[in-house]
C-alpha atoms as a PDB file:
ATOM      1  CA  MET A   1      27.373 -33.770 -24.012  1.00  0.00           C
ATOM      2  CA  PHE A   2      29.464 -30.677 -24.777  1.00  0.00           C
ATOM      3  CA  VAL A   3      28.138 -28.088 -27.240  1.00  0.00           C
ATOM      4  CA  SER A   4      30.499 -25.311 -28.242  1.00  0.00           C
ATOM      5  CA  GLN A   5      29.150 -21.773 -28.470  1.00  0.00           C
ATOM      6  CA  ASP A   6      29.963 -21.650 -32.190  1.00  0.00           C
ATOM      7  CA  THR A   7      27.540 -24.468 -32.993  1.00  0.00           C
ATOM      8  CA  HIS A   8      24.763 -23.487 -30.599  1.00  0.00           C
ATOM      9  CA  PRO A   9      21.498 -22.819 -32.501  1.00  0.00           C
ATOM     10  CA  MET A  10      20.935 -19.449 -30.745  1.00  0.00           C
ATOM     11  CA  SER A  11      23.494 -16.781 -31.410  1.00  0.00           C
ATOM     12  CA  ALA A  12      24.647 -14.400 -28.675  1.00  0.00           C
ATOM     13  CA  ALA A  13      23.441 -11.442 -30.759  1.00  0.00           C
ATOM     14  CA  SER A  14      19.746 -12.316 -30.895  1.00  0.00           C
ATOM     15  CA  ALA A  15      17.232 -15.088 -30.371  1.00  0.00           C
ATOM     16  CA  GLU A  16      13.752 -15.842 -31.604  1.00  0.00           C
ATOM     17  CA  VAL A  17      10.868 -16.473 -29.221  1.00  0.00           C
ATOM     18  CA  GLY A  18       7.777 -17.657 -31.034  1.00  0.00           C
ATOM     19  CA  HIS A  19       7.522 -15.309 -34.013  1.00  0.00           C
ATOM     20  CA  GLU A  20       9.102 -12.340 -32.229  1.00  0.00           C
ATOM     21  CA  ARG A  21      12.773 -11.482 -32.457  1.00  0.00           C
ATOM     22  CA  VAL A  22      14.358 -10.667 -29.082  1.00  0.00           C
ATOM     23  CA  ARG A  23      17.206  -8.160 -29.102  1.00  0.00           C
ATOM     24  CA  PRO A  24      20.016  -8.174 -26.574  1.00  0.00           C
ATOM     25  CA  GLN A  25      19.754  -5.483 -23.919  1.00  0.00           C
ATOM     26  CA  ALA A  26      21.785  -2.353 -24.655  1.00  0.00           C
ATOM     27  CA  GLN A  27      24.531  -1.251 -22.317  1.00  0.00           C
ATOM     28  CA  THR A  28      23.523   1.248 -19.645  1.00  0.00           C
ATOM     29  CA  VAL A  29      24.805   4.775 -20.213  1.00  0.00           C
ATOM     30  CA  GLU A  30      26.656   6.324 -17.276  1.00  0.00           C
ATOM     31  CA  VAL A  31      26.590  10.115 -16.762  1.00  0.00           C
ATOM     32  CA  ASP A  32      28.477  11.858 -13.965  1.00  0.00           C
ATOM     33  CA  SER A  33      26.159  13.903 -11.718  1.00  0.00           C
ATOM     34  CA  LEU A  34      28.543  16.882 -11.875  1.00  0.00           C
ATOM     35  CA  ARG A  35      28.120  16.949 -15.629  1.00  0.00           C
ATOM     36  CA  LEU A  36      24.337  16.664 -15.324  1.00  0.00           C
ATOM     37  CA  LEU A  37      23.969  19.397 -12.720  1.00  0.00           C
ATOM     38  CA  GLN A  38      26.620  21.704 -14.276  1.00  0.00           C
ATOM     39  CA  GLY A  39      27.453  23.406 -10.979  1.00  0.00           C
ATOM     40  CA  GLN A  40      23.800  23.853  -9.949  1.00  0.00           C
ATOM     41  CA  ARG A  41      22.132  22.284  -6.895  1.00  0.00           C
ATOM     42  CA  GLU A  42      18.930  21.437  -8.779  1.00  0.00           C
ATOM     43  CA  LEU A  43      17.675  20.675 -12.257  1.00  0.00           C
ATOM     44  CA  ARG A  44      14.297  20.033 -13.844  1.00  0.00           C
ATOM     45  CA  ILE A  45      13.809  16.972 -16.018  1.00  0.00           C
ATOM     46  CA  ARG A  46      10.918  16.730 -18.459  1.00  0.00           C
ATOM     47  CA  HIS A  47       9.735  13.176 -19.107  1.00  0.00           C
ATOM     48  CA  GLY A  48       6.855  13.208 -21.582  1.00  0.00           C
ATOM     49  CA  ASN A  49       4.298  15.605 -20.101  1.00  0.00           C
ATOM     50  CA  GLU A  50       5.653  15.270 -16.538  1.00  0.00           C
ATOM     51  CA  TYR A  51       8.367  17.266 -14.770  1.00  0.00           C
ATOM     52  CA  TYR A  52      10.780  15.965 -12.134  1.00  0.00           C
ATOM     53  CA  ARG A  53      13.291  17.753  -9.896  1.00  0.00           C
ATOM     54  CA  LEU A  54      16.757  16.339  -9.293  1.00  0.00           C
ATOM     55  CA  ARG A  55      18.316  17.947  -6.219  1.00  0.00           C
ATOM     56  CA  HIS A  56      21.826  17.667  -4.820  1.00  0.00           C
ATOM     57  CA  THR A  57      21.515  17.924  -1.029  1.00  0.00           C
ATOM     58  CA  ARG A  58      23.933  19.313   1.554  1.00  0.00           C
ATOM     59  CA  ASN A  59      24.570  15.707   2.630  1.00  0.00           C
ATOM     60  CA  ASP A  60      25.841  14.932  -0.887  1.00  0.00           C
ATOM     61  CA  LYS A  61      22.779  12.855  -1.838  1.00  0.00           C
ATOM     62  CA  LEU A  62      20.642  13.036  -4.957  1.00  0.00           C
ATOM     63  CA  ILE A  63      16.865  13.249  -4.600  1.00  0.00           C
ATOM     64  CA  LEU A  64      14.501  12.861  -7.551  1.00  0.00           C
ATOM     65  CA  THR A  65      10.944  14.091  -6.948  1.00  0.00           C
ATOM     66  CA  LYS A  66       7.908  14.463  -9.154  1.00  0.00           C
END
């Protein structure tokens, strides 16, 4: 039996599971590393009460450490 998407009981925008409403996952944001680092080789990122270091290595790799 063929069911068109227009008549399907669950819309593409959201669905209900039990009594909870499930939202579709947001698109992932893409940021260029050059923009993030702004010409520096390293930057500190604060996440809550923790700090991380993002380093751009000589081998053109990114390393994130706590």
